[in-house]
Every structure is written in C-alpha cells, then in structure tokens.
Amino acid sequence: TTTELTGQQMFIATLVSLFSGFFV
C-alpha cells in the first residue's frame, strides 16, 4: 500500500512464492 517495504509484507510474499513454486 506504500512505497516502503515492511518485514511482514516481505515474509508474506516470500511464503506465497515458495508454496506456489512447491505446488507447481
């Protein structure tokens, strides 16, 4: 929602990336 990246946003995005890659 802002231009500044937070640790929570980074964690959620990385978690979704890994689980999506694992599913594929």
PDB file of all heavy atoms in Angstrom:
ATOM      1  N   THR A   1       0.821  -1.219   0.000  1.00  0.00           N
ATOM      2  CA  THR A   1       0.000   0.000   0.000  1.00  0.00           C
ATOM      3  C   THR A   1       0.850   1.262   0.000  1.00  0.00           C
ATOM      4  O   THR A   1       0.366   2.339  -0.306  1.00  0.00           O
ATOM      5  CB  THR A   1      -0.924   0.003   1.229  1.00  0.00           C
ATOM      6  OG1 THR A   1      -0.129  -0.149   2.412  1.00  0.00           O
ATOM      7  CG2 THR A   1      -1.932  -1.140   1.136  1.00  0.00           C
ATOM      8  N   THR A   2       2.125   1.120   0.339  1.00  0.00           N
ATOM      9  CA  THR A   2       3.040   2.263   0.344  1.00  0.00           C
ATOM     10  C   THR A   2       4.307   1.895  -0.402  1.00  0.00           C
ATOM     11  O   THR A   2       4.544   0.721  -0.722  1.00  0.00           O
ATOM     12  CB  THR A   2       3.391   2.687   1.783  1.00  0.00           C
ATOM     13  OG1 THR A   2       4.088   1.619   2.431  1.00  0.00           O
ATOM     14  CG2 THR A   2       2.120   3.022   2.569  1.00  0.00           C
ATOM     15  N   THR A   3       5.127   2.867  -0.676  1.00  0.00           N
ATOM     16  CA  THR A   3       6.390   2.610  -1.377  1.00  0.00           C
ATOM     17  C   THR A   3       7.431   1.976  -0.468  1.00  0.00           C
ATOM     18  O   THR A   3       8.419   1.418  -0.944  1.00  0.00           O
ATOM     19  CB  THR A   3       6.968   3.925  -1.941  1.00  0.00           C
ATOM     20  OG1 THR A   3       7.118   4.869  -0.865  1.00  0.00           O
ATOM     21  CG2 THR A   3       6.043   4.499  -3.001  1.00  0.00           C
ATOM     22  N   GLU A   4       7.222   2.034   0.838  1.00  0.00           N
ATOM     23  CA  GLU A   4       8.173   1.463   1.789  1.00  0.00           C
ATOM     24  C   GLU A   4       7.818   0.010   2.072  1.00  0.00           C
ATOM     25  O   GLU A   4       6.681  -0.321   2.419  1.00  0.00           O
ATOM     26  CB  GLU A   4       8.158   2.267   3.089  1.00  0.00           C
ATOM     27  CG  GLU A   4       9.219   1.804   4.093  1.00  0.00           C
ATOM     28  CD  GLU A   4       9.233   2.656   5.355  1.00  0.00           C
ATOM     29  OE1 GLU A   4       8.574   3.704   5.367  1.00  0.00           O
ATOM     30  OE2 GLU A   4       9.903   2.249   6.315  1.00  0.00           O
ATOM     31  N   LEU A   5       8.801  -0.854   1.919  1.00  0.00           N
ATOM     32  CA  LEU A   5       8.600  -2.288   2.118  1.00  0.00           C
ATOM     33  C   LEU A   5       8.777  -2.639   3.586  1.00  0.00           C
ATOM     34  O   LEU A   5       9.757  -2.264   4.216  1.00  0.00           O
ATOM     35  CB  LEU A   5       9.609  -3.082   1.273  1.00  0.00           C
ATOM     36  CG  LEU A   5       9.549  -4.603   1.350  1.00  0.00           C
ATOM     37  CD1 LEU A   5       8.240  -5.124   0.781  1.00  0.00           C
ATOM     38  CD2 LEU A   5      10.731  -5.212   0.584  1.00  0.00           C
ATOM     39  N   THR A   6       7.813  -3.403   4.143  1.00  0.00           N
ATOM     40  CA  THR A   6       7.891  -3.827   5.538  1.00  0.00           C
ATOM     41  C   THR A   6       8.306  -5.295   5.626  1.00  0.00           C
ATOM     42  O   THR A   6       8.183  -6.050   4.648  1.00  0.00           O
ATOM     43  CB  THR A   6       6.543  -3.644   6.248  1.00  0.00           C
ATOM     44  OG1 THR A   6       5.573  -4.535   5.659  1.00  0.00           O
ATOM     45  CG2 THR A   6       6.049  -2.204   6.118  1.00  0.00           C
ATOM     46  N   GLY A   7       8.772  -5.690   6.803  1.00  0.00           N
ATOM     47  CA  GLY A   7       9.175  -7.077   7.008  1.00  0.00           C
ATOM     48  C   GLY A   7       8.009  -8.037   6.878  1.00  0.00           C
ATOM     49  O   GLY A   7       8.165  -9.150   6.363  1.00  0.00           O
ATOM     50  N   GLN A   8       6.829  -7.649   7.309  1.00  0.00           N
ATOM     51  CA  GLN A   8       5.647  -8.505   7.212  1.00  0.00           C
ATOM     52  C   GLN A   8       5.275  -8.750   5.746  1.00  0.00           C
ATOM     53  O   GLN A   8       4.954  -9.879   5.354  1.00  0.00           O
ATOM     54  CB  GLN A   8       4.475  -7.868   7.949  1.00  0.00           C
ATOM     55  CG  GLN A   8       3.216  -8.738   7.945  1.00  0.00           C
ATOM     56  CD  GLN A   8       2.054  -8.070   8.662  1.00  0.00           C
ATOM     57  OE1 GLN A   8       2.134  -6.914   9.041  1.00  0.00           O
ATOM     58  NE2 GLN A   8       0.975  -8.806   8.856  1.00  0.00           N
ATOM     59  N   GLN A   9       5.307  -7.705   4.939  1.00  0.00           N
ATOM     60  CA  GLN A   9       5.000  -7.850   3.522  1.00  0.00           C
ATOM     61  C   GLN A   9       6.013  -8.758   2.837  1.00  0.00           C
ATOM     62  O   GLN A   9       5.652  -9.602   2.013  1.00  0.00           O
ATOM     63  CB  GLN A   9       4.981  -6.469   2.854  1.00  0.00           C
ATOM     64  CG  GLN A   9       3.841  -5.579   3.293  1.00  0.00           C
ATOM     65  CD  GLN A   9       3.987  -4.157   2.797  1.00  0.00           C
ATOM     66  OE1 GLN A   9       5.092  -3.722   2.448  1.00  0.00           O
ATOM     67  NE2 GLN A   9       2.887  -3.427   2.747  1.00  0.00           N
ATOM     68  N   MET A  10       7.277  -8.588   3.175  1.00  0.00           N
ATOM     69  CA  MET A  10       8.346  -9.425   2.619  1.00  0.00           C
ATOM     70  C   MET A  10       8.131 -10.891   2.991  1.00  0.00           C
ATOM     71  O   MET A  10       8.278 -11.793   2.156  1.00  0.00           O
ATOM     72  CB  MET A  10       9.695  -8.937   3.152  1.00  0.00           C
ATOM     73  CG  MET A  10      10.885  -9.697   2.611  1.00  0.00           C
ATOM     74  SD  MET A  10      11.295  -9.184   0.935  1.00  0.00           S
ATOM     75  CE  MET A  10      12.856 -10.043   0.701  1.00  0.00           C
ATOM     76  N   PHE A  11       7.763 -11.137   4.238  1.00  0.00           N
ATOM     77  CA  PHE A  11       7.561 -12.510   4.715  1.00  0.00           C
ATOM     78  C   PHE A  11       6.384 -13.164   4.001  1.00  0.00           C
ATOM     79  O   PHE A  11       6.477 -14.300   3.545  1.00  0.00           O
ATOM     80  CB  PHE A  11       7.323 -12.492   6.227  1.00  0.00           C
ATOM     81  CG  PHE A  11       7.010 -13.849   6.799  1.00  0.00           C
ATOM     82  CD1 PHE A  11       8.008 -14.789   7.002  1.00  0.00           C
ATOM     83  CD2 PHE A  11       5.698 -14.200   7.111  1.00  0.00           C
ATOM     84  CE1 PHE A  11       7.725 -16.044   7.515  1.00  0.00           C
ATOM     85  CE2 PHE A  11       5.402 -15.442   7.631  1.00  0.00           C
ATOM     86  CZ  PHE A  11       6.414 -16.375   7.831  1.00  0.00           C
ATOM     87  N   ILE A  12       5.266 -12.429   3.878  1.00  0.00           N
ATOM     88  CA  ILE A  12       4.070 -12.985   3.232  1.00  0.00           C
ATOM     89  C   ILE A  12       4.359 -13.297   1.761  1.00  0.00           C
ATOM     90  O   ILE A  12       4.025 -14.379   1.265  1.00  0.00           O
ATOM     91  CB  ILE A  12       2.885 -12.002   3.351  1.00  0.00           C
ATOM     92  CG1 ILE A  12       2.452 -11.864   4.808  1.00  0.00           C
ATOM     93  CG2 ILE A  12       1.708 -12.470   2.500  1.00  0.00           C
ATOM     94  CD1 ILE A  12       1.404 -10.801   5.051  1.00  0.00           C
ATOM     95  N   ALA A  13       4.999 -12.357   1.069  1.00  0.00           N
ATOM     96  CA  ALA A  13       5.290 -12.553  -0.355  1.00  0.00           C
ATOM     97  C   ALA A  13       6.234 -13.737  -0.576  1.00  0.00           C
ATOM     98  O   ALA A  13       6.025 -14.551  -1.481  1.00  0.00           O
ATOM     99  CB  ALA A  13       5.894 -11.278  -0.940  1.00  0.00           C
ATOM    100  N   THR A  14       7.254 -13.844   0.263  1.00  0.00           N
ATOM    101  CA  THR A  14       8.212 -14.956   0.127  1.00  0.00           C
ATOM    102  C   THR A  14       7.553 -16.289   0.427  1.00  0.00           C
ATOM    103  O   THR A  14       7.801 -17.288  -0.260  1.00  0.00           O
ATOM    104  CB  THR A  14       9.407 -14.744   1.073  1.00  0.00           C
ATOM    105  OG1 THR A  14      10.000 -13.467   0.818  1.00  0.00           O
ATOM    106  CG2 THR A  14      10.452 -15.828   0.872  1.00  0.00           C
ATOM    107  N   LEU A  15       6.692 -16.319   1.444  1.00  0.00           N
ATOM    108  CA  LEU A  15       5.987 -17.553   1.805  1.00  0.00           C
ATOM    109  C   LEU A  15       5.091 -18.008   0.664  1.00  0.00           C
ATOM    110  O   LEU A  15       5.086 -19.199   0.295  1.00  0.00           O
ATOM    111  CB  LEU A  15       5.159 -17.330   3.071  1.00  0.00           C
ATOM    112  CG  LEU A  15       4.725 -18.581   3.850  1.00  0.00           C
ATOM    113  CD1 LEU A  15       5.938 -19.344   4.360  1.00  0.00           C
ATOM    114  CD2 LEU A  15       3.801 -18.187   4.996  1.00  0.00           C
ATOM    115  N   VAL A  16       4.359 -17.074   0.077  1.00  0.00           N
ATOM    116  CA  VAL A  16       3.484 -17.421  -1.048  1.00  0.00           C
ATOM    117  C   VAL A  16       4.311 -17.877  -2.247  1.00  0.00           C
ATOM    118  O   VAL A  16       3.939 -18.826  -2.946  1.00  0.00           O
ATOM    119  CB  VAL A  16       2.588 -16.220  -1.423  1.00  0.00           C
ATOM    120  CG1 VAL A  16       1.832 -16.490  -2.720  1.00  0.00           C
ATOM    121  CG2 VAL A  16       1.615 -15.910  -0.301  1.00  0.00           C
ATOM    122  N   SER A  17       5.440 -17.240  -2.500  1.00  0.00           N
ATOM    123  CA  SER A  17       6.319 -17.635  -3.612  1.00  0.00           C
ATOM    124  C   SER A  17       6.800 -19.069  -3.458  1.00  0.00           C
ATOM    125  O   SER A  17       6.761 -19.861  -4.408  1.00  0.00           O
ATOM    126  CB  SER A  17       7.517 -16.689  -3.699  1.00  0.00           C
ATOM    127  OG  SER A  17       7.126 -15.381  -4.013  1.00  0.00           O
ATOM    128  N   LEU A  18       7.261 -19.402  -2.256  1.00  0.00           N
ATOM    129  CA  LEU A  18       7.789 -20.749  -2.012  1.00  0.00           C
ATOM    130  C   LEU A  18       6.703 -21.808  -2.114  1.00  0.00           C
ATOM    131  O   LEU A  18       6.901 -22.871  -2.720  1.00  0.00           O
ATOM    132  CB  LEU A  18       8.469 -20.805  -0.644  1.00  0.00           C
ATOM    133  CG  LEU A  18       9.788 -20.011  -0.523  1.00  0.00           C
ATOM    134  CD1 LEU A  18      10.274 -20.000   0.920  1.00  0.00           C
ATOM    135  CD2 LEU A  18      10.849 -20.613  -1.436  1.00  0.00           C
ATOM    136  N   PHE A  19       5.539 -21.536  -1.533  1.00  0.00           N
ATOM    137  CA  PHE A  19       4.452 -22.511  -1.586  1.00  0.00           C
ATOM    138  C   PHE A  19       3.913 -22.654  -3.013  1.00  0.00           C
ATOM    139  O   PHE A  19       3.576 -23.771  -3.434  1.00  0.00           O
ATOM    140  CB  PHE A  19       3.326 -22.102  -0.633  1.00  0.00           C
ATOM    141  CG  PHE A  19       3.510 -22.622   0.763  1.00  0.00           C
ATOM    142  CD1 PHE A  19       3.920 -21.784   1.777  1.00  0.00           C
ATOM    143  CD2 PHE A  19       3.295 -23.961   1.068  1.00  0.00           C
ATOM    144  CE1 PHE A  19       4.117 -22.261   3.067  1.00  0.00           C
ATOM    145  CE2 PHE A  19       3.479 -24.445   2.356  1.00  0.00           C
ATOM    146  CZ  PHE A  19       3.893 -23.601   3.360  1.00  0.00           C
ATOM    147  N   SER A  20       3.849 -21.553  -3.745  1.00  0.00           N
ATOM    148  CA  SER A  20       3.398 -21.629  -5.137  1.00  0.00           C
ATOM    149  C   SER A  20       4.392 -22.410  -5.987  1.00  0.00           C
ATOM    150  O   SER A  20       4.004 -23.243  -6.810  1.00  0.00           O
ATOM    151  CB  SER A  20       3.214 -20.219  -5.705  1.00  0.00           C
ATOM    152  OG  SER A  20       2.228 -19.506  -5.000  1.00  0.00           O
ATOM    153  N   GLY A  21       5.692 -22.154  -5.783  1.00  0.00           N
ATOM    154  CA  GLY A  21       6.716 -22.902  -6.505  1.00  0.00           C
ATOM    155  C   GLY A  21       6.678 -24.383  -6.170  1.00  0.00           C
ATOM    156  O   GLY A  21       6.829 -25.235  -7.045  1.00  0.00           O
ATOM    157  N   PHE A  22       6.451 -24.683  -4.882  1.00  0.00           N
ATOM    158  CA  PHE A  22       6.348 -26.085  -4.463  1.00  0.00           C
ATOM    159  C   PHE A  22       5.147 -26.763  -5.111  1.00  0.00           C
ATOM    160  O   PHE A  22       5.234 -27.915  -5.558  1.00  0.00           O
ATOM    161  CB  PHE A  22       6.228 -26.160  -2.939  1.00  0.00           C
ATOM    162  CG  PHE A  22       6.057 -27.557  -2.408  1.00  0.00           C
ATOM    163  CD1 PHE A  22       7.132 -28.419  -2.296  1.00  0.00           C
ATOM    164  CD2 PHE A  22       4.804 -28.021  -2.044  1.00  0.00           C
ATOM    165  CE1 PHE A  22       6.978 -29.712  -1.821  1.00  0.00           C
ATOM    166  CE2 PHE A  22       4.629 -29.313  -1.563  1.00  0.00           C
ATOM    167  CZ  PHE A  22       5.726 -30.164  -1.448  1.00  0.00           C
ATOM    168  N   PHE A  23       4.027 -26.046  -5.201  1.00  0.00           N
ATOM    169  CA  PHE A  23       2.821 -26.606  -5.831  1.00  0.00           C
ATOM    170  C   PHE A  23       3.056 -26.888  -7.307  1.00  0.00           C
ATOM    171  O   PHE A  23       2.699 -27.960  -7.821  1.00  0.00           O
ATOM    172  CB  PHE A  23       1.647 -25.638  -5.651  1.00  0.00           C
ATOM    173  CG  PHE A  23       0.364 -26.121  -6.265  1.00  0.00           C
ATOM    174  CD1 PHE A  23      -0.407 -27.084  -5.642  1.00  0.00           C
ATOM    175  CD2 PHE A  23      -0.060 -25.609  -7.486  1.00  0.00           C
ATOM    176  CE1 PHE A  23      -1.588 -27.536  -6.216  1.00  0.00           C
ATOM    177  CE2 PHE A  23      -1.237 -26.052  -8.065  1.00  0.00           C
ATOM    178  CZ  PHE A  23      -2.008 -27.016  -7.429  1.00  0.00           C
ATOM    179  N   VAL A  24       3.677 -25.934  -8.016  1.00  0.00           N
ATOM    180  CA  VAL A  24       3.973 -26.134  -9.439  1.00  0.00           C
ATOM    181  C   VAL A  24       4.908 -27.332  -9.627  1.00  0.00           C
ATOM    182  O   VAL A  24       4.693 -28.170 -10.510  1.00  0.00           O
ATOM    183  CB  VAL A  24       4.597 -24.859 -10.040  1.00  0.00           C
ATOM    184  CG1 VAL A  24       5.087 -25.121 -11.471  1.00  0.00           C
ATOM    185  CG2 VAL A  24       3.599 -23.716 -10.034  1.00  0.00           C
TER     186      VAL A  24
END
